[in-house]
Amino acid sequence: MQLEIQNVSKRYNKNTYGLKDFSITIEKGILGLLGPNGAGKSTLLKMIATVSKPTDGVILLNRNNIIKDPNYIRKQLGFLPQDFGVYPNLNSFEFLEYLGSLKGVGGKNLKSRITQLLEGLNLIEAANKPIGSYSGGMKQRVGIAQALLNNPKVIIFDEPTVGLDPEERVRFRNLISDLANDCIVILSSHIVSDIDTIADKVAIMKNGSLITKGESENIVKKVEGKVFETTIEKEKFSSFKINHIVVSTKRKQGKLQVRYISENSTDDAKVQEANLEDAYLYLTKTK
């Protein structure tokens, strides 16, 4: 299974693009999609899901043009958009049965599939309560369940872990990892640790363009030797962050312990082991 995005652009007006000449090939497994706000992540995902059409370019699934034939991907697609909505008066069983009918999923196996998903997402105890009474994280888990309802071969998650507590994020990652061998999973998130934990490949976007794509370890190599830690006076921090990419700060004995990225270190700085968050910040700030 292969998804090819070839020279795709999304133009909103003469000078405004959501994507510009974007190309990427996605194979089976989990692709983690990272990028700052406005990078074009949601625009890309909506076009793959055939919710939106590109201005230019071609999107192929197994060499089938899904712009001309959107039903080819819709039959095997699971999609959780960033702005997923629910029917508050329905309970989880009723809601998922309704969406199952819209997706063409039915028969004797539907109820067992719904039960399996609700158990996997820790929703089974609340399954008979109206969704309107759910917390934001619980509603998000219902959204994850509907995306997986039809055993899709292409699964798109746009910020799926928003509102989930740490335990539920781990549960979600485990659930998705089990699917990765047979499906294309595209996972867009602002939470770099979620991507780093489960993604087979990582793609980083900025301003509607692809900065880099590859295995996490290879992307991290781009920032090796550029990550440092030092301790500075709090009064100096404002000027310090003008000249350095600050990753994190920690208060320590009245001073600030700063993790930062720079081509050159200060005299008392110590080199740190780089990670994907460092590489993401470095690439999106300097490219």
C-alpha atoms as a PDB file:
ATOM      1  CA  MET A   1       0.000   0.000   0.000  1.00  0.00           C
ATOM      2  CA  GLN A   2       1.365   3.386  -1.014  1.00  0.00           C
ATOM      3  CA  LEU A   3       0.076   6.945  -0.822  1.00  0.00           C
ATOM      4  CA  GLU A   4       1.717   9.481  -3.127  1.00  0.00           C
ATOM      5  CA  ILE A   5       1.245  13.234  -2.867  1.00  0.00           C
ATOM      6  CA  GLN A   6       2.743  14.752  -6.012  1.00  0.00           C
ATOM      7  CA  ASN A   7       3.366  18.517  -6.350  1.00  0.00           C
ATOM      8  CA  VAL A   8       0.179  19.390  -4.481  1.00  0.00           C
ATOM      9  CA  SER A   9      -0.750  23.024  -3.849  1.00  0.00           C
ATOM     10  CA  LYS A  10      -3.725  24.575  -2.114  1.00  0.00           C
ATOM     11  CA  ARG A  11      -4.200  28.218  -3.041  1.00  0.00           C
ATOM     12  CA  TYR A  12      -6.769  30.343  -1.217  1.00  0.00           C
ATOM     13  CA  ASN A  13      -6.163  33.530  -3.177  1.00  0.00           C
ATOM     14  CA  LYS A  14      -3.524  34.955  -5.498  1.00  0.00           C
ATOM     15  CA  ASN A  15      -0.826  35.205  -2.820  1.00  0.00           C
ATOM     16  CA  THR A  16      -2.006  32.871  -0.054  1.00  0.00           C
ATOM     17  CA  TYR A  17      -1.179  29.157  -0.058  1.00  0.00           C
ATOM     18  CA  GLY A  18      -2.024  26.453   2.473  1.00  0.00           C
ATOM     19  CA  LEU A  19       0.371  24.117   0.664  1.00  0.00           C
ATOM     20  CA  LYS A  20       2.757  24.892  -2.149  1.00  0.00           C
ATOM     21  CA  ASP A  21       4.243  22.247  -4.473  1.00  0.00           C
ATOM     22  CA  PHE A  22       4.157  19.645  -1.704  1.00  0.00           C
ATOM     23  CA  SER A  23       5.354  16.092  -2.410  1.00  0.00           C
ATOM     24  CA  ILE A  24       5.721  13.062  -0.161  1.00  0.00           C
ATOM     25  CA  THR A  25       5.376   9.274  -0.481  1.00  0.00           C
ATOM     26  CA  ILE A  26       3.869   7.389   2.465  1.00  0.00           C
ATOM     27  CA  GLU A  27       4.155   3.629   2.937  1.00  0.00           C
ATOM     28  CA  LYS A  28       2.573   1.244   5.458  1.00  0.00           C
ATOM     29  CA  GLY A  29       3.346   2.142   9.055  1.00  0.00           C
ATOM     30  CA  ILE A  30       2.969   5.273  11.155  1.00  0.00           C
ATOM     31  CA  LEU A  31       3.997   8.649   9.778  1.00  0.00           C
ATOM     32  CA  GLY A  32       4.253  11.359  12.419  1.00  0.00           C
ATOM     33  CA  LEU A  33       3.496  14.814  11.043  1.00  0.00           C
ATOM     34  CA  LEU A  34       4.976  17.782  12.906  1.00  0.00           C
ATOM     35  CA  GLY A  35       4.856  21.498  12.232  1.00  0.00           C
ATOM     36  CA  PRO A  36       3.964  24.817  13.853  1.00  0.00           C
ATOM     37  CA  ASN A  37       0.519  26.402  13.526  1.00  0.00           C
ATOM     38  CA  GLY A  38      -0.070  27.407   9.915  1.00  0.00           C
ATOM     39  CA  ALA A  39       2.359  24.827   8.545  1.00  0.00           C
ATOM     40  CA  GLY A  40      -0.371  23.232   6.407  1.00  0.00           C
ATOM     41  CA  LYS A  41      -0.799  19.960   8.302  1.00  0.00           C
ATOM     42  CA  SER A  42      -4.595  20.066   8.528  1.00  0.00           C
ATOM     43  CA  THR A  43      -4.843  21.297   4.933  1.00  0.00           C
ATOM     44  CA  LEU A  44      -2.839  18.280   3.774  1.00  0.00           C
ATOM     45  CA  LEU A  45      -4.861  15.807   5.845  1.00  0.00           C
ATOM     46  CA  LYS A  46      -8.193  17.176   4.618  1.00  0.00           C
ATOM     47  CA  MET A  47      -7.077  16.738   1.003  1.00  0.00           C
ATOM     48  CA  ILE A  48      -5.956  13.153   1.623  1.00  0.00           C
ATOM     49  CA  ALA A  49      -9.336  12.522   3.261  1.00  0.00           C
ATOM     50  CA  THR A  50     -11.047  14.078   0.180  1.00  0.00           C
ATOM     51  CA  VAL A  51     -12.770  16.705   2.340  1.00  0.00           C
ATOM     52  CA  SER A  52     -10.950  19.382   0.348  1.00  0.00           C
ATOM     53  CA  LYS A  53      -9.540  19.420  -3.189  1.00  0.00           C
ATOM     54  CA  PRO A  54      -6.056  20.637  -4.121  1.00  0.00           C
ATOM     55  CA  THR A  55      -5.644  23.549  -6.495  1.00  0.00           C
ATOM     56  CA  ASP A  56      -2.861  21.728  -8.299  1.00  0.00           C
ATOM     57  CA  GLY A  57      -1.162  18.352  -8.131  1.00  0.00           C
ATOM     58  CA  VAL A  58      -2.155  14.710  -7.798  1.00  0.00           C
ATOM     59  CA  ILE A  59      -2.862  12.380  -4.863  1.00  0.00           C
ATOM     60  CA  LEU A  60      -2.582   8.656  -5.581  1.00  0.00           C
ATOM     61  CA  LEU A  61      -3.440   5.663  -3.411  1.00  0.00           C
ATOM     62  CA  ASN A  62      -2.043   2.473  -4.911  1.00  0.00           C
ATOM     63  CA  ARG A  63      -1.753   4.451  -8.186  1.00  0.00           C
ATOM     64  CA  ASN A  64      -5.469   5.355  -8.120  1.00  0.00           C
ATOM     65  CA  ASN A  65      -6.165   9.079  -8.446  1.00  0.00           C
ATOM     66  CA  ILE A  66      -8.324   9.849  -5.407  1.00  0.00           C
ATOM     67  CA  ILE A  67      -9.043  13.386  -6.611  1.00  0.00           C
ATOM     68  CA  LYS A  68     -10.875  11.956  -9.614  1.00  0.00           C
ATOM     69  CA  ASP A  69     -12.194   8.917  -7.714  1.00  0.00           C
ATOM     70  CA  PRO A  70     -12.576   9.889  -4.025  1.00  0.00           C
ATOM     71  CA  ASN A  71     -14.669   6.807  -3.220  1.00  0.00           C
ATOM     72  CA  TYR A  72     -11.600   4.627  -3.726  1.00  0.00           C
ATOM     73  CA  ILE A  73     -10.035   5.955  -0.527  1.00  0.00           C
ATOM     74  CA  ARG A  74     -13.279   6.710   1.328  1.00  0.00           C
ATOM     75  CA  LYS A  75     -14.157   3.012   1.418  1.00  0.00           C
ATOM     76  CA  GLN A  76     -10.969   2.253   3.333  1.00  0.00           C
ATOM     77  CA  LEU A  77     -10.466   5.492   5.266  1.00  0.00           C
ATOM     78  CA  GLY A  78     -10.661   6.360   8.953  1.00  0.00           C
ATOM     79  CA  PHE A  79     -10.436  10.084   9.710  1.00  0.00           C
ATOM     80  CA  LEU A  80     -10.424  12.047  12.952  1.00  0.00           C
ATOM     81  CA  PRO A  81     -10.429  15.767  12.081  1.00  0.00           C
ATOM     82  CA  GLN A  82      -9.266  18.417  14.499  1.00  0.00           C
ATOM     83  CA  ASP A  83     -12.809  19.789  14.822  1.00  0.00           C
ATOM     84  CA  PHE A  84     -14.642  16.482  15.369  1.00  0.00           C
ATOM     85  CA  GLY A  85     -18.229  16.878  16.583  1.00  0.00           C
ATOM     86  CA  VAL A  86     -20.712  14.536  18.279  1.00  0.00           C
ATOM     87  CA  TYR A  87     -24.470  14.202  18.813  1.00  0.00           C
ATOM     88  CA  PRO A  88     -24.731  14.987  22.538  1.00  0.00           C
ATOM     89  CA  ASN A  89     -28.048  13.173  23.128  1.00  0.00           C
ATOM     90  CA  LEU A  90     -26.782   9.835  21.809  1.00  0.00           C
ATOM     91  CA  ASN A  91     -24.714   7.443  23.874  1.00  0.00           C
ATOM     92  CA  SER A  92     -21.509   5.913  22.511  1.00  0.00           C
ATOM     93  CA  PHE A  93     -23.169   2.733  21.242  1.00  0.00           C
ATOM     94  CA  GLU A  94     -25.911   4.659  19.437  1.00  0.00           C
ATOM     95  CA  PHE A  95     -23.497   7.204  17.991  1.00  0.00           C
ATOM     96  CA  LEU A  96     -21.063   4.598  16.684  1.00  0.00           C
ATOM     97  CA  GLU A  97     -23.881   2.442  15.280  1.00  0.00           C
ATOM     98  CA  TYR A  98     -25.173   5.509  13.416  1.00  0.00           C
ATOM     99  CA  LEU A  99     -21.723   6.317  12.009  1.00  0.00           C
ATOM    100  CA  GLY A 100     -21.264   2.657  11.147  1.00  0.00           C
ATOM    101  CA  SER A 101     -24.383   2.804   8.979  1.00  0.00           C
ATOM    102  CA  LEU A 102     -23.027   5.921   7.220  1.00  0.00           C
ATOM    103  CA  LYS A 103     -19.743   4.123   6.567  1.00  0.00           C
ATOM    104  CA  GLY A 104     -21.570   1.041   5.265  1.00  0.00           C
ATOM    105  CA  VAL A 105     -20.520  -1.044   8.254  1.00  0.00           C
ATOM    106  CA  GLY A 106     -23.241  -3.220   9.696  1.00  0.00           C
ATOM    107  CA  GLY A 107     -24.328  -6.755  10.353  1.00  0.00           C
ATOM    108  CA  LYS A 108     -23.799  -8.973  13.360  1.00  0.00           C
ATOM    109  CA  ASN A 109     -20.146  -7.981  13.786  1.00  0.00           C
ATOM    110  CA  LEU A 110     -20.760  -4.236  14.242  1.00  0.00           C
ATOM    111  CA  LYS A 111     -21.779  -4.399  17.907  1.00  0.00           C
ATOM    112  CA  SER A 112     -18.798  -6.576  18.805  1.00  0.00           C
ATOM    113  CA  ARG A 113     -16.499  -4.181  16.933  1.00  0.00           C
ATOM    114  CA  ILE A 114     -17.944  -1.207  18.831  1.00  0.00           C
ATOM    115  CA  THR A 115     -17.544  -3.026  22.149  1.00  0.00           C
ATOM    116  CA  GLN A 116     -13.956  -3.921  21.285  1.00  0.00           C
ATOM    117  CA  LEU A 117     -13.094  -0.294  20.515  1.00  0.00           C
ATOM    118  CA  LEU A 118     -14.844   1.121  23.576  1.00  0.00           C
ATOM    119  CA  GLU A 119     -13.005  -1.351  25.788  1.00  0.00           C
ATOM    120  CA  GLY A 120      -9.698  -0.528  24.129  1.00  0.00           C
ATOM    121  CA  LEU A 121     -10.293   3.191  24.705  1.00  0.00           C
ATOM    122  CA  ASN A 122     -11.525   2.772  28.294  1.00  0.00           C
ATOM    123  CA  LEU A 123     -15.045   3.987  27.483  1.00  0.00           C
ATOM    124  CA  ILE A 124     -17.096   0.870  28.097  1.00  0.00           C
ATOM    125  CA  GLU A 125     -18.318   1.930  31.570  1.00  0.00           C
ATOM    126  CA  ALA A 126     -19.683   5.204  30.183  1.00  0.00           C
ATOM    127  CA  ALA A 127     -20.965   3.731  26.911  1.00  0.00           C
ATOM    128  CA  ASN A 128     -24.657   4.010  27.833  1.00  0.00           C
ATOM    129  CA  LYS A 129     -24.443   7.614  29.025  1.00  0.00           C
ATOM    130  CA  PRO A 130     -25.203  10.566  26.683  1.00  0.00           C
ATOM    131  CA  ILE A 131     -22.048  11.818  24.994  1.00  0.00           C
ATOM    132  CA  GLY A 132     -23.041  15.347  26.008  1.00  0.00           C
ATOM    133  CA  SER A 133     -22.168  14.400  29.586  1.00  0.00           C
ATOM    134  CA  TYR A 134     -18.634  13.316  28.617  1.00  0.00           C
ATOM    135  CA  SER A 135     -15.465  15.269  29.323  1.00  0.00           C
ATOM    136  CA  GLY A 136     -13.488  16.664  26.400  1.00  0.00           C
ATOM    137  CA  GLY A 137     -11.007  13.785  26.596  1.00  0.00           C
ATOM    138  CA  MET A 138     -13.814  11.200  26.539  1.00  0.00           C
ATOM    139  CA  LYS A 139     -15.371  12.832  23.464  1.00  0.00           C
ATOM    140  CA  GLN A 140     -11.971  12.717  21.806  1.00  0.00           C
ATOM    141  CA  ARG A 141     -11.785   8.981  22.494  1.00  0.00           C
ATOM    142  CA  VAL A 142     -15.205   8.527  20.872  1.00  0.00           C
ATOM    143  CA  GLY A 143     -13.728  10.318  17.855  1.00  0.00           C
ATOM    144  CA  ILE A 144     -10.818   7.894  17.800  1.00  0.00           C
ATOM    145  CA  ALA A 145     -13.255   4.972  17.964  1.00  0.00           C
ATOM    146  CA  GLN A 146     -15.295   6.194  14.984  1.00  0.00           C
ATOM    147  CA  ALA A 147     -12.121   6.577  12.917  1.00  0.00           C
ATOM    148  CA  LEU A 148     -11.291   2.897  13.509  1.00  0.00           C
ATOM    149  CA  LEU A 149     -14.833   1.572  13.172  1.00  0.00           C
ATOM    150  CA  ASN A 150     -14.588   0.223   9.610  1.00  0.00           C
ATOM    151  CA  ASN A 151     -11.160  -1.452  10.007  1.00  0.00           C
ATOM    152  CA  PRO A 152      -9.646   1.152   7.658  1.00  0.00           C
ATOM    153  CA  LYS A 153      -6.443   0.743   5.681  1.00  0.00           C
ATOM    154  CA  VAL A 154      -5.682   4.476   5.679  1.00  0.00           C
ATOM    155  CA  ILE A 155      -6.069   6.178   9.066  1.00  0.00           C
ATOM    156  CA  ILE A 156      -5.683   9.919   9.564  1.00  0.00           C
ATOM    157  CA  PHE A 157      -5.530  11.487  13.017  1.00  0.00           C
ATOM    158  CA  ASP A 158      -5.354  15.281  13.336  1.00  0.00           C
ATOM    159  CA  GLU A 159      -4.275  16.136  16.902  1.00  0.00           C
ATOM    160  CA  PRO A 160      -5.818  12.955  18.390  1.00  0.00           C
ATOM    161  CA  THR A 161      -4.296  13.251  21.873  1.00  0.00           C
ATOM    162  CA  VAL A 162      -5.646  16.747  22.634  1.00  0.00           C
ATOM    163  CA  GLY A 163      -7.551  16.495  25.909  1.00  0.00           C
ATOM    164  CA  LEU A 164      -6.223  13.039  26.784  1.00  0.00           C
ATOM    165  CA  ASP A 165      -4.477  12.551  30.108  1.00  0.00           C
ATOM    166  CA  PRO A 166      -1.059  10.794  30.171  1.00  0.00           C
ATOM    167  CA  GLU A 167      -2.558   7.359  30.848  1.00  0.00           C
ATOM    168  CA  GLU A 168      -5.009   7.678  27.942  1.00  0.00           C
ATOM    169  CA  ARG A 169      -2.239   8.887  25.633  1.00  0.00           C
ATOM    170  CA  VAL A 170      -0.322   5.691  26.396  1.00  0.00           C
ATOM    171  CA  ARG A 171      -3.464   3.634  25.762  1.00  0.00           C
ATOM    172  CA  PHE A 172      -3.964   5.415  22.427  1.00  0.00           C
ATOM    173  CA  ARG A 173      -0.348   4.840  21.375  1.00  0.00           C
ATOM    174  CA  ASN A 174      -0.618   1.136  22.168  1.00  0.00           C
ATOM    175  CA  LEU A 175      -3.854   0.849  20.201  1.00  0.00           C
ATOM    176  CA  ILE A 176      -2.377   2.547  17.137  1.00  0.00           C
ATOM    177  CA  SER A 177       0.864   0.559  17.287  1.00  0.00           C
ATOM    178  CA  ASP A 178      -1.158  -2.640  16.880  1.00  0.00           C
ATOM    179  CA  LEU A 179      -2.569  -1.339  13.562  1.00  0.00           C
ATOM    180  CA  ALA A 180       0.655  -0.143  12.008  1.00  0.00           C
ATOM    181  CA  ASN A 181       1.718  -3.334  10.228  1.00  0.00           C
ATOM    182  CA  ASP A 182      -1.278  -3.463   7.889  1.00  0.00           C
ATOM    183  CA  CYS A 183      -2.246   0.198   7.475  1.00  0.00           C
ATOM    184  CA  ILE A 184      -1.020   3.624   6.550  1.00  0.00           C
ATOM    185  CA  VAL A 185      -1.405   5.735   9.695  1.00  0.00           C
ATOM    186  CA  ILE A 186      -0.819   9.499   9.513  1.00  0.00           C
ATOM    187  CA  LEU A 187      -0.640  11.123  12.920  1.00  0.00           C
ATOM    188  CA  SER A 188      -0.452  14.909  13.211  1.00  0.00           C
ATOM    189  CA  SER A 189       0.365  16.252  16.660  1.00  0.00           C
ATOM    190  CA  HIS A 190       1.925  19.143  18.540  1.00  0.00           C
ATOM    191  CA  ILE A 191       3.073  16.664  21.202  1.00  0.00           C
ATOM    192  CA  VAL A 192       6.506  15.650  19.945  1.00  0.00           C
ATOM    193  CA  SER A 193       6.856  12.834  22.491  1.00  0.00           C
ATOM    194  CA  ASP A 194       3.764  11.092  21.060  1.00  0.00           C
ATOM    195  CA  ILE A 195       5.298  11.165  17.592  1.00  0.00           C
ATOM    196  CA  ASP A 196       8.726  10.114  18.833  1.00  0.00           C
ATOM    197  CA  THR A 197       7.291   7.135  20.718  1.00  0.00           C
ATOM    198  CA  ILE A 198       5.287   5.441  17.972  1.00  0.00           C
ATOM    199  CA  ALA A 199       6.108   6.861  14.526  1.00  0.00           C
ATOM    200  CA  ASP A 200       8.106   4.784  12.039  1.00  0.00           C
ATOM    201  CA  LYS A 201       8.856   7.903  10.006  1.00  0.00           C
ATOM    202  CA  VAL A 202       8.592  11.611  10.824  1.00  0.00           C
ATOM    203  CA  ALA A 203       7.789  14.470   8.451  1.00  0.00           C
ATOM    204  CA  ILE A 204       8.310  18.090   9.504  1.00  0.00           C
ATOM    205  CA  MET A 205       6.422  20.885   7.740  1.00  0.00           C
ATOM    206  CA  LYS A 206       6.653  24.666   7.723  1.00  0.00           C
ATOM    207  CA  ASN A 207       4.812  27.298   5.669  1.00  0.00           C
ATOM    208  CA  GLY A 208       3.122  24.707   3.473  1.00  0.00           C
ATOM    209  CA  SER A 209       6.365  22.953   2.563  1.00  0.00           C
ATOM    210  CA  LEU A 210       8.118  19.765   3.620  1.00  0.00           C
ATOM    211  CA  ILE A 211      11.342  20.485   5.505  1.00  0.00           C
ATOM    212  CA  THR A 212      12.450  16.897   6.054  1.00  0.00           C
ATOM    213  CA  LYS A 213      11.200  13.325   6.266  1.00  0.00           C
ATOM    214  CA  GLY A 214      12.877  10.241   7.654  1.00  0.00           C
ATOM    215  CA  GLU A 215      13.398   8.048  10.672  1.00  0.00           C
ATOM    216  CA  SER A 216      13.472   9.916  13.958  1.00  0.00           C
ATOM    217  CA  GLU A 217      17.089   8.916  14.637  1.00  0.00           C
ATOM    218  CA  ASN A 218      18.288  10.387  11.355  1.00  0.00           C
ATOM    219  CA  ILE A 219      16.402  13.649  11.884  1.00  0.00           C
ATOM    220  CA  VAL A 220      17.893  13.997  15.362  1.00  0.00           C
ATOM    221  CA  LYS A 221      21.398  13.750  13.848  1.00  0.00           C
ATOM    222  CA  LYS A 222      20.803  17.138  12.218  1.00  0.00           C
ATOM    223  CA  VAL A 223      21.064  18.818  15.637  1.00  0.00           C
ATOM    224  CA  GLU A 224      23.730  16.680  17.300  1.00  0.00           C
ATOM    225  CA  GLY A 225      26.428  18.799  18.924  1.00  0.00           C
ATOM    226  CA  LYS A 226      24.182  21.871  18.893  1.00  0.00           C
ATOM    227  CA  VAL A 227      22.178  21.248  22.092  1.00  0.00           C
ATOM    228  CA  PHE A 228      23.548  22.714  25.323  1.00  0.00           C
ATOM    229  CA  GLU A 229      22.619  23.381  28.901  1.00  0.00           C
ATOM    230  CA  THR A 230      23.800  26.303  30.987  1.00  0.00           C
ATOM    231  CA  THR A 231      22.805  28.283  34.081  1.00  0.00           C
ATOM    232  CA  ILE A 232      22.222  32.028  33.797  1.00  0.00           C
ATOM    233  CA  GLU A 233      20.942  34.887  35.913  1.00  0.00           C
ATOM    234  CA  LYS A 234      17.210  35.519  35.459  1.00  0.00           C
ATOM    235  CA  GLU A 235      17.842  39.110  34.416  1.00  0.00           C
ATOM    236  CA  LYS A 236      19.941  37.929  31.453  1.00  0.00           C
ATOM    237  CA  PHE A 237      17.334  35.557  30.054  1.00  0.00           C
ATOM    238  CA  SER A 238      15.577  38.091  27.809  1.00  0.00           C
ATOM    239  CA  SER A 239      18.765  38.915  25.921  1.00  0.00           C
ATOM    240  CA  PHE A 240      19.894  35.263  25.952  1.00  0.00           C
ATOM    241  CA  LYS A 241      16.803  33.969  24.123  1.00  0.00           C
ATOM    242  CA  ILE A 242      17.227  36.571  21.382  1.00  0.00           C
ATOM    243  CA  ASN A 243      20.433  34.865  20.282  1.00  0.00           C
ATOM    244  CA  HIS A 244      19.588  31.231  21.027  1.00  0.00           C
ATOM    245  CA  ILE A 245      16.753  28.751  20.438  1.00  0.00           C
ATOM    246  CA  VAL A 246      15.545  27.993  23.960  1.00  0.00           C
ATOM    247  CA  VAL A 247      14.078  24.506  24.399  1.00  0.00           C
ATOM    248  CA  SER A 248      13.247  24.628  28.115  1.00  0.00           C
ATOM    249  CA  THR A 249      14.035  26.426  31.362  1.00  0.00           C
ATOM    250  CA  LYS A 250      14.085  25.290  34.972  1.00  0.00           C
ATOM    251  CA  ARG A 251      14.431  27.397  38.100  1.00  0.00           C
ATOM    252  CA  LYS A 252      17.418  26.367  40.179  1.00  0.00           C
ATOM    253  CA  GLN A 253      18.687  28.156  43.285  1.00  0.00           C
ATOM    254  CA  GLY A 254      17.464  31.553  42.154  1.00  0.00           C
ATOM    255  CA  LYS A 255      18.874  31.153  38.630  1.00  0.00           C
ATOM    256  CA  LEU A 256      17.629  29.602  35.390  1.00  0.00           C
ATOM    257  CA  GLN A 257      18.903  26.300  34.041  1.00  0.00           C
ATOM    258  CA  VAL A 258      18.442  26.622  30.287  1.00  0.00           C
ATOM    259  CA  ARG A 259      18.441  23.960  27.590  1.00  0.00           C
ATOM    260  CA  TYR A 260      19.093  25.637  24.254  1.00  0.00           C
ATOM    261  CA  ILE A 261      20.210  25.129  20.683  1.00  0.00           C
ATOM    262  CA  SER A 262      23.062  27.075  19.143  1.00  0.00           C
ATOM    263  CA  GLU A 263      25.807  26.707  16.572  1.00  0.00           C
ATOM    264  CA  ASN A 264      28.215  27.846  19.295  1.00  0.00           C
ATOM    265  CA  SER A 265      28.160  27.269  23.058  1.00  0.00           C
ATOM    266  CA  THR A 266      28.825  29.667  25.895  1.00  0.00           C
ATOM    267  CA  ASP A 267      31.962  29.009  27.929  1.00  0.00           C
ATOM    268  CA  ASP A 268      30.313  27.120  30.774  1.00  0.00           C
ATOM    269  CA  ALA A 269      27.681  25.258  28.722  1.00  0.00           C
ATOM    270  CA  LYS A 270      27.547  21.478  28.590  1.00  0.00           C
ATOM    271  CA  VAL A 271      26.668  19.550  25.450  1.00  0.00           C
ATOM    272  CA  GLN A 272      23.435  17.556  25.815  1.00  0.00           C
ATOM    273  CA  GLU A 273      22.137  14.466  24.048  1.00  0.00           C
ATOM    274  CA  ALA A 274      19.796  15.668  21.301  1.00  0.00           C
ATOM    275  CA  ASN A 275      16.218  14.441  20.877  1.00  0.00           C
ATOM    276  CA  LEU A 276      13.397  14.865  18.352  1.00  0.00           C
ATOM    277  CA  GLU A 277      11.982  17.945  20.070  1.00  0.00           C
ATOM    278  CA  ASP A 278      15.385  19.642  19.760  1.00  0.00           C
ATOM    279  CA  ALA A 279      15.569  18.746  16.067  1.00  0.00           C
ATOM    280  CA  TYR A 280      12.002  19.925  15.451  1.00  0.00           C
ATOM    281  CA  LEU A 281      12.642  23.320  17.042  1.00  0.00           C
ATOM    282  CA  TYR A 282      15.981  23.715  15.268  1.00  0.00           C
ATOM    283  CA  LEU A 283      14.593  22.874  11.832  1.00  0.00           C
ATOM    284  CA  THR A 284      11.430  24.982  12.121  1.00  0.00           C
ATOM    285  CA  LYS A 285      13.315  27.995  13.473  1.00  0.00           C
ATOM    286  CA  THR A 286      16.239  27.962  11.038  1.00  0.00           C
ATOM    287  CA  LYS A 287      14.825  26.655   7.750  1.00  0.00           C
END
